[in-house]
Amino acid sequence: MLTIFDRGCAHTCQGRTRREFLRVGGLALGGLTLADLLAARAAAGDSSEPKAVVLLFLQGGPTQLETWDPKPDAPQETRTLGGTIPTALPGVRFSEHFPKMAAMAKEFAFVRSFASGNGGHTYQAVTTGGNAAKAAMSAAYANLAGPTHPSTGLPTNVLVLPEAVQDGLVLQNNFETGALPTLTQPGALGPQCEAFSPSGGSKLKQAMSLTLPREQFDDRRKLLADLDGLRRDLDRDPAVAQAGKYQQQAADVITRGVTAAFDLSKEDPKVVERYDTSKLFKLEDATRWHDMKRATNLLGKQMLLARRLVENGVGFVTVSDCGWDMHANNNSPKNMEGLKWLAPQVDHAVAAFVEDLKQRGLSDRVLLVVTGEMGRTPKLNKNGGRDHYGNVTPLVLAGGGIKTGQVIGKTDATASAPTTKVYKPTNLFSTVMHHLFDLGKLRLRTDVHRDIKGAVENHGVIDDLL
């Protein structure tokens, strides 16, 4: 939609107003108008970059026993499959699939007593923390921080799927696909808090599409620039003038599908190589099974894109890694053989990401959270797999200024239940929000949704992290 106001329409008996001269319905990310942009700039208060969160969500339900809480001495029917390895933390061992994370374990905090309480593929239960608004933590962030970054114009809430880092990748659908929106769902906060997906498919990106030939759209961009000039003749306010830059960036998102922040070709090839996980396994080997149809070997580049996004002002990035549903019922390989593909990829990508943040001085600003919607049953099923289980769920954190180099909590001899204080999604939600926002300032704001404020304030953070 393009609406142009005549000069005379902006003049009232009270004199000329700051009425906007135009609105390009698809150009403003999430419907952000000039007034919204100025409000966001004012709310920012300063030019410093805000803190950010990257949530790596292992969809399907990662097993606690074959990741970061192995039980090699448990009875055979519950014993960890495969070997275990020592870590940089004395007395702490991991599954053999995570040598890089084991070597740099002092950079992480491993919460072994986290329980999602979720026995199915209902991602919302984990990412909302049960708040009354039914909003995922990513959507809550967008609600509190504003839907777009006031300087770069980028969305503050972004979902990075494999399609975002490789053109032409075709992923077959399975039961997990329909649950993807719940990772970033806005609940009662409204569509302006939905995730923007650089790989397409989100309602927000669809709303930004213009059904116009390219040449006509170019003309409209020229018209936009002309009208910006007219507006600046009327109003020399520097903050208003910034809207021209923002609208140009938003137009670029439509015409090119991505902004410069999404273009990995602009990255140092050596850095891309350090992140690259595509050589770790052949995709056709992993995707022969139904439950692993959405598995890819692109996680490294997804994490690299996540780093680029937070550097450009995105406050919450959700990275999706699929295929972790391991019943071993021929929908996935027996004896959880899928781990030999999925686990080393997470090990490589996460290690590269944490090292990269440290080298770039971003460790204190960016918090990495790695978890899934649930854990796995301690008892192996008849095919050597593990089924859905919500009493113990893997949770790893790094960066964000948290206290790392520690294991928080314990589980019993079979990883069936925590034997120390149990942490739940409510605690994770509160911990993430405490990292992102100054709670003292948050309490003084009158524009915060009461359900989100309650979820942040009324549930304790995970002890020993902050």
Protein backbone atom coordinates (compact mmCIF):
# COMPACT_ATOMS: atom_id res chain seq x y z
CA MET A 1 0.00 0.00 0.00
CA LEU A 2 1.31 3.46 -0.91
CA THR A 3 -0.52 6.50 0.42
CA ILE A 4 0.62 10.01 -0.50
CA PHE A 5 -0.65 13.04 1.33
CA ASP A 6 -0.86 16.37 -0.42
CA ARG A 7 1.01 19.25 1.17
CA GLY A 8 -2.24 21.02 1.86
CA CYS A 9 -3.63 18.07 3.77
CA ALA A 10 -0.93 18.42 6.38
CA HIS A 11 -1.84 22.02 7.17
CA THR A 12 -4.49 22.70 9.77
CA CYS A 13 -5.76 25.78 11.54
CA GLN A 14 -3.03 25.13 14.06
CA GLY A 15 -0.35 25.34 11.40
CA ARG A 16 1.72 22.77 9.50
CA THR A 17 2.00 19.43 11.32
CA ARG A 18 4.47 16.56 11.27
CA ARG A 19 1.93 14.37 9.56
CA GLU A 20 3.63 11.66 7.60
CA PHE A 21 3.68 12.23 3.87
CA LEU A 22 3.53 8.59 2.91
CA ARG A 23 3.14 5.09 4.13
CA VAL A 24 4.51 2.11 2.25
CA GLY A 25 2.61 -0.74 3.89
CA GLY A 26 5.24 -3.34 3.08
CA LEU A 27 8.28 -1.23 3.81
CA ALA A 28 7.88 -0.77 7.51
CA LEU A 29 9.00 -3.98 9.22
CA GLY A 30 6.09 -5.22 11.30
CA GLY A 31 4.09 -2.12 10.37
CA LEU A 32 6.56 0.22 12.06
CA THR A 33 5.66 3.81 11.19
CA LEU A 34 7.78 6.94 11.47
CA ALA A 35 6.26 7.71 14.86
CA ASP A 36 7.12 4.20 16.06
CA LEU A 37 10.68 4.60 14.84
CA LEU A 38 11.15 7.87 16.70
CA ALA A 39 9.66 6.34 19.83
CA ALA A 40 12.06 3.42 19.56
CA ARG A 41 15.02 5.78 19.18
CA ALA A 42 13.91 7.73 22.22
CA ALA A 43 13.38 4.56 24.23
CA ALA A 44 16.90 3.40 23.37
CA GLY A 45 18.29 6.28 25.39
CA ASP A 46 21.84 5.94 24.09
CA SER A 47 23.85 4.64 21.16
CA SER A 48 25.29 1.59 22.92
CA GLU A 49 24.35 -1.77 21.53
CA PRO A 50 21.87 -3.73 23.65
CA LYS A 51 22.47 -7.19 24.97
CA ALA A 52 21.36 -10.11 22.84
CA VAL A 53 20.38 -13.77 23.06
CA VAL A 54 20.97 -16.60 20.60
CA LEU A 55 18.71 -19.57 21.31
CA LEU A 56 19.89 -22.79 19.66
CA PHE A 57 16.85 -25.05 19.80
CA LEU A 58 17.51 -28.75 19.25
CA GLN A 59 14.14 -29.78 17.91
CA GLY A 60 12.88 -33.24 18.62
CA GLY A 61 14.23 -33.53 22.15
CA PRO A 62 17.96 -34.04 22.80
CA THR A 63 18.95 -36.89 25.09
CA GLN A 64 20.57 -35.87 28.36
CA LEU A 65 22.47 -39.16 28.67
CA GLU A 66 24.22 -38.92 25.31
CA THR A 67 25.06 -35.22 25.58
CA TRP A 68 26.22 -33.47 28.77
CA ASP A 69 25.02 -35.73 31.60
CA PRO A 70 26.19 -39.23 30.69
CA LYS A 71 25.74 -42.19 33.01
CA PRO A 72 28.32 -44.77 31.87
CA ASP A 73 27.99 -46.81 35.09
CA ALA A 74 24.20 -47.10 35.07
CA PRO A 75 22.47 -50.47 34.55
CA GLN A 76 22.61 -51.71 30.96
CA GLU A 77 19.02 -50.79 30.15
CA THR A 78 19.67 -47.14 31.05
CA ARG A 79 23.41 -46.82 30.43
CA THR A 80 24.71 -44.10 28.12
CA LEU A 81 25.28 -45.43 24.61
CA GLY A 82 28.85 -44.96 23.47
CA GLY A 83 31.82 -43.71 25.40
CA THR A 84 32.42 -40.68 27.57
CA ILE A 85 35.30 -38.22 27.69
CA PRO A 86 36.82 -35.98 30.37
CA THR A 87 36.32 -32.22 30.20
CA ALA A 88 38.24 -29.16 31.30
CA LEU A 89 36.17 -29.26 34.50
CA PRO A 90 37.63 -31.72 37.05
CA GLY A 91 35.51 -34.83 37.48
CA VAL A 92 33.00 -33.82 34.80
CA ARG A 93 32.50 -36.04 31.75
CA PHE A 94 30.52 -35.65 28.53
CA SER A 95 29.40 -37.97 25.79
CA GLU A 96 32.21 -38.79 23.40
CA HIS A 97 30.40 -36.82 20.68
CA PHE A 98 31.34 -33.43 22.21
CA PRO A 99 35.16 -33.21 22.32
CA LYS A 100 35.37 -29.51 21.45
CA MET A 101 32.85 -28.42 24.06
CA ALA A 102 34.57 -30.71 26.56
CA ALA A 103 37.93 -29.06 25.93
CA MET A 104 36.46 -25.58 26.45
CA ALA A 105 33.97 -26.52 29.19
CA LYS A 106 35.10 -23.55 31.29
CA GLU A 107 33.32 -21.30 28.77
CA PHE A 108 29.94 -22.89 29.55
CA ALA A 109 27.44 -23.45 32.32
CA PHE A 110 25.70 -26.84 32.18
CA VAL A 111 22.39 -27.02 34.03
CA ARG A 112 21.75 -30.69 34.74
CA SER A 113 18.67 -30.15 36.90
CA PHE A 114 16.58 -28.41 34.24
CA ALA A 115 13.21 -30.03 33.53
CA SER A 116 10.94 -28.74 30.78
CA GLY A 117 8.00 -30.69 32.20
CA ASN A 118 7.03 -31.24 28.60
CA GLY A 119 6.41 -34.70 27.21
CA GLY A 120 5.67 -33.79 23.61
CA HIS A 121 6.71 -31.61 20.73
CA THR A 122 5.07 -28.54 22.23
CA TYR A 123 7.89 -26.03 21.99
CA GLN A 124 5.70 -23.28 23.37
CA ALA A 125 5.88 -24.83 26.84
CA VAL A 126 9.64 -24.20 26.96
CA THR A 127 9.98 -20.88 25.17
CA THR A 128 7.09 -19.08 26.91
CA GLY A 129 7.96 -20.20 30.41
CA GLY A 130 4.22 -20.53 30.94
CA ASN A 131 3.58 -16.77 30.96
CA ALA A 132 -0.06 -15.75 30.80
CA ALA A 133 0.43 -13.88 27.53
CA LYS A 134 1.49 -17.17 25.90
CA ALA A 135 4.38 -15.32 24.28
CA ALA A 136 7.73 -16.94 23.55
CA MET A 137 10.73 -15.26 25.15
CA SER A 138 11.83 -14.02 21.72
CA ALA A 139 8.46 -12.32 21.19
CA ALA A 140 8.58 -10.88 24.71
CA TYR A 141 11.95 -9.37 23.85
CA ALA A 142 10.54 -7.76 20.69
CA ASN A 143 7.66 -6.39 22.73
CA LEU A 144 9.99 -4.82 25.29
CA ALA A 145 12.73 -3.64 22.92
CA GLY A 146 10.58 -2.69 19.94
CA PRO A 147 10.05 -4.71 16.75
CA THR A 148 12.97 -3.17 14.88
CA HIS A 149 16.40 -1.81 15.73
CA PRO A 150 16.20 2.01 15.76
CA SER A 151 19.46 2.50 13.86
CA THR A 152 19.78 -0.42 11.45
CA GLY A 153 16.08 -1.03 10.82
CA LEU A 154 16.59 -4.77 11.27
CA PRO A 155 13.94 -6.82 13.09
CA THR A 156 14.82 -7.44 16.72
CA ASN A 157 13.41 -10.99 16.65
CA VAL A 158 14.75 -13.29 13.93
CA LEU A 159 14.36 -17.01 13.26
CA VAL A 160 17.25 -18.59 11.35
CA LEU A 161 16.34 -21.76 9.49
CA PRO A 162 18.77 -23.67 7.25
CA GLU A 163 17.16 -22.10 4.18
CA ALA A 164 18.61 -18.77 5.28
CA VAL A 165 22.19 -19.90 4.59
CA GLN A 166 21.81 -21.99 1.45
CA ASP A 167 19.70 -21.08 -1.55
CA GLY A 168 17.63 -23.83 -3.07
CA LEU A 169 17.72 -26.14 -0.07
CA VAL A 170 14.56 -28.24 -0.05
CA LEU A 171 13.53 -29.70 3.28
CA GLN A 172 10.77 -32.28 3.42
CA ASN A 173 8.00 -31.68 5.91
CA ASN A 174 7.38 -33.79 8.98
CA PHE A 175 5.48 -33.42 12.22
CA GLU A 176 8.03 -30.98 13.61
CA THR A 177 7.50 -28.41 10.87
CA GLY A 178 4.11 -27.26 12.10
CA ALA A 179 5.55 -26.47 15.53
CA LEU A 180 8.25 -24.12 14.26
CA PRO A 181 6.18 -20.92 14.69
CA THR A 182 5.73 -21.63 18.38
CA LEU A 183 9.44 -21.02 18.92
CA THR A 184 8.83 -17.36 18.27
CA GLN A 185 5.08 -17.03 18.61
CA PRO A 186 3.84 -13.65 19.92
CA GLY A 187 0.78 -14.79 21.86
CA ALA A 188 -1.25 -11.87 23.20
CA LEU A 189 1.51 -9.41 22.26
CA GLY A 190 0.36 -9.20 18.65
CA PRO A 191 1.85 -9.88 15.21
CA GLN A 192 4.36 -7.04 15.47
CA CYS A 193 6.33 -9.29 17.83
CA GLU A 194 6.47 -12.25 15.46
CA ALA A 195 9.82 -13.48 14.27
CA PHE A 196 11.24 -12.30 11.00
CA SER A 197 12.62 -15.22 8.99
CA PRO A 198 15.33 -14.34 6.45
CA SER A 199 14.61 -17.67 4.78
CA GLY A 200 11.00 -16.70 4.08
CA GLY A 201 7.68 -18.10 5.12
CA SER A 202 6.92 -15.91 8.13
CA LYS A 203 3.77 -13.81 8.18
CA LEU A 204 5.90 -10.77 8.82
CA LYS A 205 7.92 -11.25 5.65
CA GLN A 206 4.81 -12.03 3.61
CA ALA A 207 3.33 -8.76 4.83
CA MET A 208 6.40 -6.96 3.50
CA SER A 209 6.00 -8.31 -0.05
CA LEU A 210 4.82 -5.95 -2.77
CA THR A 211 3.10 -7.46 -5.81
CA LEU A 212 4.68 -5.04 -8.24
CA PRO A 213 7.09 -5.45 -11.15
CA ARG A 214 10.62 -4.54 -10.16
CA GLU A 215 10.76 -1.54 -12.46
CA GLN A 216 7.61 -0.07 -10.95
CA PHE A 217 8.91 -0.60 -7.46
CA ASP A 218 12.10 1.21 -8.41
CA ASP A 219 9.96 4.14 -9.47
CA ARG A 220 8.26 4.10 -6.11
CA ARG A 221 11.60 4.14 -4.39
CA LYS A 222 12.47 7.25 -6.39
CA LEU A 223 9.18 8.76 -5.36
CA LEU A 224 9.94 7.83 -1.79
CA ALA A 225 13.26 9.65 -1.98
CA ASP A 226 11.61 12.70 -3.57
CA LEU A 227 8.99 12.86 -0.86
CA ASP A 228 11.66 12.44 1.80
CA GLY A 229 13.26 15.53 0.37
CA LEU A 230 10.01 17.45 0.58
CA ARG A 231 9.52 16.30 4.14
CA ARG A 232 12.99 17.42 5.13
CA ASP A 233 12.24 20.83 3.66
CA LEU A 234 9.38 21.06 6.13
CA ASP A 235 11.04 19.46 9.09
CA ARG A 236 14.79 19.60 9.69
CA ASP A 237 14.66 17.47 12.80
CA PRO A 238 17.66 15.05 12.57
CA ALA A 239 15.68 12.20 14.10
CA VAL A 240 12.99 12.53 11.43
CA ALA A 241 15.61 12.63 8.70
CA GLN A 242 16.85 9.23 9.87
CA ALA A 243 13.59 7.72 8.66
CA GLY A 244 14.81 8.09 5.08
CA LYS A 245 17.70 5.74 5.79
CA TYR A 246 15.43 3.32 7.60
CA GLN A 247 12.88 3.20 4.79
CA GLN A 248 15.66 2.61 2.28
CA GLN A 249 16.92 -0.34 4.33
CA ALA A 250 13.42 -1.73 4.62
CA ALA A 251 13.00 -1.44 0.86
CA ASP A 252 16.21 -3.38 0.41
CA VAL A 253 14.76 -6.23 2.46
CA ILE A 254 11.89 -6.48 0.00
CA THR A 255 13.84 -6.16 -3.24
CA ARG A 256 16.74 -8.41 -2.31
CA GLY A 257 15.07 -10.70 0.23
CA VAL A 258 17.90 -10.09 2.70
CA THR A 259 19.95 -7.18 3.98
CA ALA A 260 23.73 -7.03 4.07
CA ALA A 261 23.63 -8.64 7.50
CA PHE A 262 22.20 -11.81 5.95
CA ASP A 263 24.88 -12.09 3.27
CA LEU A 264 27.56 -14.55 4.38
CA SER A 265 29.59 -13.80 1.27
CA LYS A 266 30.66 -10.61 3.03
CA GLU A 267 32.29 -12.63 5.79
CA ASP A 268 35.99 -13.50 5.93
CA PRO A 269 36.34 -16.89 4.16
CA LYS A 270 38.58 -18.13 6.97
CA VAL A 271 35.83 -17.43 9.50
CA VAL A 272 33.26 -19.18 7.32
CA GLU A 273 35.55 -22.19 7.12
CA ARG A 274 35.89 -22.33 10.92
CA TYR A 275 32.12 -22.44 11.29
CA ASP A 276 31.39 -24.77 8.38
CA THR A 277 29.73 -28.05 9.37
CA SER A 278 28.70 -29.16 5.88
CA LYS A 279 31.74 -31.42 5.60
CA LEU A 280 31.08 -33.32 8.81
CA PHE A 281 28.61 -35.74 7.23
CA LYS A 282 26.73 -36.41 4.04
CA LEU A 283 23.21 -35.08 4.22
CA GLU A 284 21.76 -38.09 2.40
CA ASP A 285 23.11 -40.38 5.13
CA ALA A 286 21.17 -38.56 7.84
CA THR A 287 17.92 -37.85 6.04
CA ARG A 288 17.00 -41.38 5.05
CA TRP A 289 14.80 -41.60 8.14
CA HIS A 290 11.48 -39.80 8.54
CA ASP A 291 12.29 -38.18 11.87
CA MET A 292 15.48 -36.74 10.42
CA LYS A 293 14.08 -35.36 7.16
CA ARG A 294 14.62 -31.82 8.37
CA ALA A 295 18.12 -32.48 9.66
CA THR A 296 20.82 -30.56 7.78
CA ASN A 297 24.58 -30.12 7.94
CA LEU A 298 24.29 -26.32 7.80
CA LEU A 299 24.19 -25.50 11.51
CA GLY A 300 27.62 -23.88 11.48
CA LYS A 301 26.59 -21.28 8.93
CA GLN A 302 23.31 -20.73 10.77
CA MET A 303 25.31 -19.87 13.90
CA LEU A 304 27.58 -17.60 11.87
CA LEU A 305 24.53 -15.78 10.55
CA ALA A 306 23.28 -15.47 14.12
CA ARG A 307 26.52 -13.75 15.10
CA ARG A 308 26.26 -11.37 12.15
CA LEU A 309 22.69 -10.53 13.08
CA VAL A 310 23.44 -9.66 16.70
CA GLU A 311 26.33 -7.50 15.51
CA ASN A 312 23.81 -5.59 13.42
CA GLY A 313 21.37 -4.97 16.23
CA VAL A 314 19.12 -8.05 16.31
CA GLY A 315 18.40 -8.73 19.97
CA PHE A 316 16.97 -12.25 19.83
CA VAL A 317 17.97 -14.88 17.29
CA THR A 318 16.45 -18.36 17.33
CA VAL A 319 18.44 -21.00 15.46
CA SER A 320 16.60 -24.21 14.64
CA ASP A 321 18.37 -27.57 14.41
CA CYS A 322 16.03 -30.48 13.64
CA GLY A 323 16.20 -34.25 13.80
CA TRP A 324 16.63 -34.92 17.52
CA ASP A 325 13.60 -37.22 17.88
CA MET A 326 15.30 -40.56 18.49
CA HIS A 327 12.81 -43.35 19.12
CA ALA A 328 14.94 -45.71 16.97
CA ASN A 329 11.75 -47.10 15.42
CA ASN A 330 12.94 -46.95 11.81
CA ASN A 331 11.69 -43.37 11.63
CA SER A 332 15.13 -42.73 13.06
CA PRO A 333 18.09 -45.15 13.04
CA LYS A 334 18.34 -47.86 15.68
CA ASN A 335 20.53 -47.37 18.74
CA MET A 336 20.30 -43.61 18.18
CA GLU A 337 22.86 -43.73 15.40
CA GLY A 338 21.65 -40.26 14.41
CA LEU A 339 23.82 -38.89 17.19
CA LYS A 340 26.94 -39.54 15.13
CA TRP A 341 25.72 -36.83 12.73
CA LEU A 342 23.80 -34.40 14.89
CA ALA A 343 25.97 -34.26 18.01
CA PRO A 344 29.35 -33.52 16.34
CA GLN A 345 27.67 -30.77 14.32
CA VAL A 346 26.36 -29.08 17.48
CA ASP A 347 29.76 -29.56 19.12
CA HIS A 348 31.54 -27.91 16.19
CA ALA A 349 29.07 -25.07 15.62
CA VAL A 350 28.69 -24.13 19.28
CA ALA A 351 32.44 -24.19 19.90
CA ALA A 352 33.06 -22.00 16.85
CA PHE A 353 30.37 -19.55 17.93
CA VAL A 354 31.62 -19.18 21.50
CA GLU A 355 35.24 -18.79 20.35
CA ASP A 356 34.18 -16.21 17.78
CA LEU A 357 32.24 -14.17 20.35
CA LYS A 358 35.28 -14.15 22.60
CA GLN A 359 37.63 -13.02 19.84
CA ARG A 360 35.26 -10.21 18.86
CA GLY A 361 34.69 -8.98 22.39
CA LEU A 362 31.03 -9.98 22.31
CA SER A 363 31.01 -12.59 25.07
CA ASP A 364 29.49 -10.36 27.75
CA ARG A 365 26.86 -8.90 25.41
CA VAL A 366 25.59 -12.10 23.77
CA LEU A 367 24.07 -14.96 25.75
CA LEU A 368 23.93 -18.38 24.08
CA VAL A 369 21.21 -20.79 25.23
CA VAL A 370 21.16 -24.40 23.99
CA THR A 371 18.18 -26.60 24.83
CA GLY A 372 15.25 -28.50 23.36
CA GLU A 373 11.60 -29.09 24.10
CA MET A 374 12.33 -32.08 26.35
CA GLY A 375 14.85 -34.76 27.22
CA ARG A 376 14.75 -38.53 26.69
CA THR A 377 13.67 -41.51 28.75
CA PRO A 378 16.43 -43.04 30.87
CA LYS A 379 15.31 -46.52 29.92
CA LEU A 380 16.18 -47.60 26.40
CA ASN A 381 13.29 -48.92 24.34
CA LYS A 382 13.44 -52.24 22.51
CA ASN A 383 15.18 -50.64 19.51
CA GLY A 384 17.91 -49.00 21.57
CA GLY A 385 16.27 -45.58 21.38
CA ARG A 386 14.84 -43.22 23.94
CA ASP A 387 11.32 -41.81 24.03
CA HIS A 388 9.82 -38.47 25.11
CA TYR A 389 10.65 -37.35 28.64
CA GLY A 390 10.12 -34.04 30.43
CA ASN A 391 11.66 -34.69 33.86
CA VAL A 392 15.21 -33.88 32.71
CA THR A 393 16.07 -31.64 29.76
CA PRO A 394 19.55 -30.62 28.53
CA LEU A 395 20.37 -26.94 29.05
CA VAL A 396 23.68 -25.24 28.28
CA LEU A 397 24.49 -21.52 28.46
CA ALA A 398 27.53 -19.45 27.52
CA GLY A 399 28.51 -15.78 27.30
CA GLY A 400 26.20 -13.03 28.46
CA GLY A 401 28.39 -12.25 31.45
CA ILE A 402 27.10 -15.33 33.29
CA LYS A 403 29.24 -17.42 35.60
CA THR A 404 30.65 -20.16 33.42
CA GLY A 405 32.96 -23.11 34.06
CA GLN A 406 30.41 -24.89 36.20
CA VAL A 407 27.80 -27.61 36.34
CA ILE A 408 24.61 -26.55 38.09
CA GLY A 409 22.50 -29.25 39.69
CA LYS A 410 22.65 -33.03 39.63
CA THR A 411 20.53 -35.94 38.52
CA ASP A 412 20.21 -39.41 39.98
CA ALA A 413 22.24 -42.43 38.84
CA THR A 414 20.09 -42.95 35.72
CA ALA A 415 19.38 -39.31 34.79
CA SER A 416 15.73 -39.96 35.63
CA ALA A 417 15.20 -36.91 37.85
CA PRO A 418 17.12 -34.06 39.47
CA THR A 419 18.39 -34.67 42.97
CA THR A 420 18.98 -30.97 43.57
CA LYS A 421 16.81 -27.89 43.04
CA VAL A 422 14.73 -28.29 39.88
CA TYR A 423 14.77 -25.45 37.36
CA LYS A 424 11.89 -25.04 34.95
CA PRO A 425 11.10 -22.97 31.83
CA THR A 426 9.79 -20.21 34.12
CA ASN A 427 13.30 -19.88 35.57
CA LEU A 428 14.89 -19.92 32.13
CA PHE A 429 12.50 -17.20 30.92
CA SER A 430 13.31 -15.02 33.91
CA THR A 431 17.07 -15.62 33.55
CA VAL A 432 17.06 -14.62 29.88
CA MET A 433 15.06 -11.45 30.57
CA HIS A 434 17.34 -10.52 33.46
CA HIS A 435 20.26 -10.72 31.06
CA LEU A 436 18.53 -8.63 28.40
CA PHE A 437 17.05 -5.85 30.49
CA ASP A 438 17.73 -3.65 33.48
CA LEU A 439 14.90 -4.72 35.76
CA GLY A 440 14.99 -1.47 37.69
CA LYS A 441 14.26 0.47 34.50
CA LEU A 442 11.79 -2.14 33.35
CA ARG A 443 9.70 -1.71 36.48
CA LEU A 444 9.37 2.02 35.78
CA ARG A 445 8.06 1.55 32.25
CA THR A 446 4.32 1.88 31.74
CA ASP A 447 4.26 0.29 28.30
CA VAL A 448 5.24 -3.23 29.40
CA HIS A 449 2.58 -5.92 29.05
CA ARG A 450 1.60 -6.89 32.59
CA ASP A 451 1.84 -10.62 31.89
CA ILE A 452 5.39 -10.25 30.61
CA LYS A 453 6.40 -8.05 33.53
CA GLY A 454 4.94 -10.62 35.91
CA ALA A 455 6.77 -13.48 34.23
CA VAL A 456 10.07 -11.63 34.55
CA GLU A 457 9.63 -10.53 38.14
CA ASN A 458 7.74 -13.37 39.78
CA HIS A 459 9.97 -16.31 38.89
CA GLY A 460 13.50 -16.68 40.13
CA VAL A 461 16.52 -16.87 37.90
CA ILE A 462 18.67 -19.98 37.72
CA ASP A 463 20.90 -19.80 40.79
CA ASP A 464 24.64 -19.26 40.38
CA LEU A 465 24.36 -18.00 36.79
CA LEU A 466 24.01 -14.25 37.26
